[in-house]
Amino acid sequence: MHRGSLCQDKYKGDSIVQMIFDDSLSINGHTFTFDFVVDVETSQVLFAVLVGAAFC
């Protein structure tokens, strides 16, 4: 999985979202940990399977 900058601040050119671990993102310096973190290449079908699995 790709790690690093995912989004650029359009005004400053600074990275505002970074993937720091396979299950963690940093957004404007605040770290969030999730059961799953997907990237832009993830299909809607796979995303639905991952989200649906959490409710089973």
N, C-alpha and C. Protein backbone atom coordinates (compact mmCIF):
# COMPACT_ATOMS: atom_id res chain seq x y z
N MET A 1 0.83 -1.17 0.00
CA MET A 1 0.00 0.00 0.00
C MET A 1 0.89 1.24 0.00
N HIS A 2 0.47 2.24 -0.71
CA HIS A 2 1.22 3.49 -0.80
C HIS A 2 1.17 4.23 0.53
N ARG A 3 2.29 4.70 0.97
CA ARG A 3 2.35 5.54 2.16
C ARG A 3 2.88 6.89 1.75
N GLY A 4 2.40 7.91 2.38
CA GLY A 4 2.88 9.25 2.10
C GLY A 4 1.74 10.19 1.87
N SER A 5 2.01 11.27 1.16
CA SER A 5 1.03 12.32 0.95
C SER A 5 -0.11 11.86 0.06
N LEU A 6 -1.35 12.11 0.50
CA LEU A 6 -2.52 11.77 -0.27
C LEU A 6 -3.24 13.01 -0.80
N CYS A 7 -3.03 14.14 -0.16
CA CYS A 7 -3.76 15.35 -0.52
C CYS A 7 -2.89 16.57 -0.25
N GLN A 8 -2.91 17.51 -1.13
CA GLN A 8 -2.14 18.74 -0.96
C GLN A 8 -3.06 19.89 -0.57
N ASP A 9 -2.60 20.76 0.32
CA ASP A 9 -3.33 21.97 0.66
C ASP A 9 -3.21 22.89 -0.55
N LYS A 10 -4.32 23.24 -1.16
CA LYS A 10 -4.28 24.02 -2.40
C LYS A 10 -3.75 25.43 -2.20
N TYR A 11 -3.74 25.92 -0.97
CA TYR A 11 -3.26 27.27 -0.73
C TYR A 11 -1.77 27.31 -0.38
N LYS A 12 -1.30 26.32 0.36
CA LYS A 12 0.07 26.32 0.82
C LYS A 12 0.95 25.32 0.08
N GLY A 13 0.35 24.33 -0.56
CA GLY A 13 1.12 23.29 -1.20
C GLY A 13 1.63 22.25 -0.23
N ASP A 14 1.23 22.36 1.04
CA ASP A 14 1.66 21.41 2.07
C ASP A 14 0.75 20.19 2.05
N SER A 15 1.29 19.08 2.46
CA SER A 15 0.50 17.86 2.59
C SER A 15 -0.41 17.98 3.80
N ILE A 16 -1.72 17.72 3.62
CA ILE A 16 -2.63 17.78 4.75
C ILE A 16 -3.09 16.39 5.18
N VAL A 17 -2.95 15.40 4.30
CA VAL A 17 -3.31 14.02 4.63
C VAL A 17 -2.12 13.13 4.32
N GLN A 18 -1.70 12.34 5.29
CA GLN A 18 -0.61 11.41 5.08
C GLN A 18 -0.99 10.06 5.65
N MET A 19 -0.67 9.00 4.90
CA MET A 19 -0.85 7.65 5.40
C MET A 19 0.43 7.30 6.15
N ILE A 20 0.31 7.05 7.47
CA ILE A 20 1.52 6.81 8.26
C ILE A 20 1.72 5.34 8.59
N PHE A 21 0.65 4.56 8.65
CA PHE A 21 0.70 3.11 8.80
C PHE A 21 -0.40 2.53 7.93
N ASP A 22 -0.45 1.22 7.80
CA ASP A 22 -1.49 0.59 6.98
C ASP A 22 -2.90 0.87 7.50
N ASP A 23 -3.02 1.20 8.79
CA ASP A 23 -4.34 1.45 9.36
C ASP A 23 -4.48 2.85 9.97
N SER A 24 -3.54 3.77 9.65
CA SER A 24 -3.56 5.09 10.26
C SER A 24 -3.30 6.20 9.25
N LEU A 25 -4.03 7.31 9.45
CA LEU A 25 -3.85 8.51 8.65
C LEU A 25 -3.54 9.67 9.57
N SER A 26 -2.77 10.61 9.06
CA SER A 26 -2.56 11.87 9.75
C SER A 26 -3.22 12.95 8.91
N ILE A 27 -4.13 13.70 9.51
CA ILE A 27 -4.83 14.78 8.82
C ILE A 27 -4.55 16.06 9.58
N ASN A 28 -3.84 16.96 8.93
CA ASN A 28 -3.43 18.23 9.56
C ASN A 28 -2.78 17.99 10.92
N GLY A 29 -1.96 16.95 11.01
CA GLY A 29 -1.22 16.67 12.23
C GLY A 29 -1.97 15.85 13.27
N HIS A 30 -3.22 15.50 13.02
CA HIS A 30 -4.00 14.68 13.93
C HIS A 30 -4.03 13.25 13.39
N THR A 31 -3.68 12.28 14.23
CA THR A 31 -3.62 10.88 13.80
C THR A 31 -4.93 10.18 14.09
N PHE A 32 -5.41 9.43 13.08
CA PHE A 32 -6.63 8.64 13.19
C PHE A 32 -6.30 7.21 12.81
N THR A 33 -6.77 6.26 13.60
CA THR A 33 -6.55 4.84 13.32
C THR A 33 -7.89 4.19 13.02
N PHE A 34 -7.91 3.37 11.98
CA PHE A 34 -9.13 2.75 11.48
C PHE A 34 -8.96 1.24 11.38
N ASP A 35 -10.08 0.53 11.30
CA ASP A 35 -10.03 -0.90 11.04
C ASP A 35 -9.45 -1.15 9.65
N PHE A 36 -9.82 -0.30 8.70
CA PHE A 36 -9.35 -0.40 7.32
C PHE A 36 -9.06 0.98 6.78
N VAL A 37 -8.01 1.09 6.00
CA VAL A 37 -7.73 2.31 5.24
C VAL A 37 -7.55 1.87 3.80
N VAL A 38 -8.35 2.44 2.92
CA VAL A 38 -8.27 2.08 1.51
C VAL A 38 -7.71 3.25 0.73
N ASP A 39 -7.19 2.96 -0.46
CA ASP A 39 -6.65 4.03 -1.29
C ASP A 39 -7.57 4.28 -2.48
N VAL A 40 -7.16 5.17 -3.35
CA VAL A 40 -8.00 5.55 -4.49
C VAL A 40 -8.19 4.43 -5.49
N GLU A 41 -7.38 3.39 -5.42
CA GLU A 41 -7.49 2.26 -6.35
C GLU A 41 -8.50 1.21 -5.88
N THR A 42 -9.03 1.35 -4.68
CA THR A 42 -9.97 0.37 -4.14
C THR A 42 -11.31 0.47 -4.84
N SER A 43 -11.83 -0.67 -5.27
CA SER A 43 -13.12 -0.68 -5.97
C SER A 43 -14.25 -0.51 -4.97
N GLN A 44 -15.41 -0.10 -5.48
CA GLN A 44 -16.59 0.05 -4.62
C GLN A 44 -17.00 -1.31 -4.05
N VAL A 45 -16.82 -2.36 -4.83
CA VAL A 45 -17.19 -3.71 -4.37
C VAL A 45 -16.32 -4.10 -3.18
N LEU A 46 -15.01 -3.93 -3.28
CA LEU A 46 -14.13 -4.26 -2.16
C LEU A 46 -14.45 -3.39 -0.95
N PHE A 47 -14.69 -2.12 -1.17
CA PHE A 47 -15.03 -1.22 -0.07
C PHE A 47 -16.31 -1.69 0.63
N ALA A 48 -17.32 -2.08 -0.13
CA ALA A 48 -18.58 -2.57 0.43
C ALA A 48 -18.35 -3.84 1.24
N VAL A 49 -17.48 -4.73 0.74
CA VAL A 49 -17.16 -5.96 1.47
C VAL A 49 -16.48 -5.62 2.80
N LEU A 50 -15.53 -4.70 2.77
CA LEU A 50 -14.82 -4.32 4.00
C LEU A 50 -15.75 -3.66 5.01
N VAL A 51 -16.60 -2.77 4.55
CA VAL A 51 -17.52 -2.07 5.45
C VAL A 51 -18.60 -3.03 5.95
N GLY A 52 -19.12 -3.85 5.05
CA GLY A 52 -20.15 -4.81 5.44
C GLY A 52 -19.65 -5.85 6.42
N ALA A 53 -18.39 -6.22 6.29
CA ALA A 53 -17.80 -7.23 7.19
C ALA A 53 -17.77 -6.73 8.62
N ALA A 54 -17.67 -5.45 8.80
CA ALA A 54 -17.62 -4.87 10.16
C ALA A 54 -18.94 -5.03 10.89
N PHE A 55 -20.04 -5.22 10.16
CA PHE A 55 -21.35 -5.33 10.78
C PHE A 55 -21.79 -6.77 10.99
N CYS A 56 -20.97 -7.72 10.58
CA CYS A 56 -21.34 -9.14 10.73
C CYS A 56 -20.86 -9.69 12.05
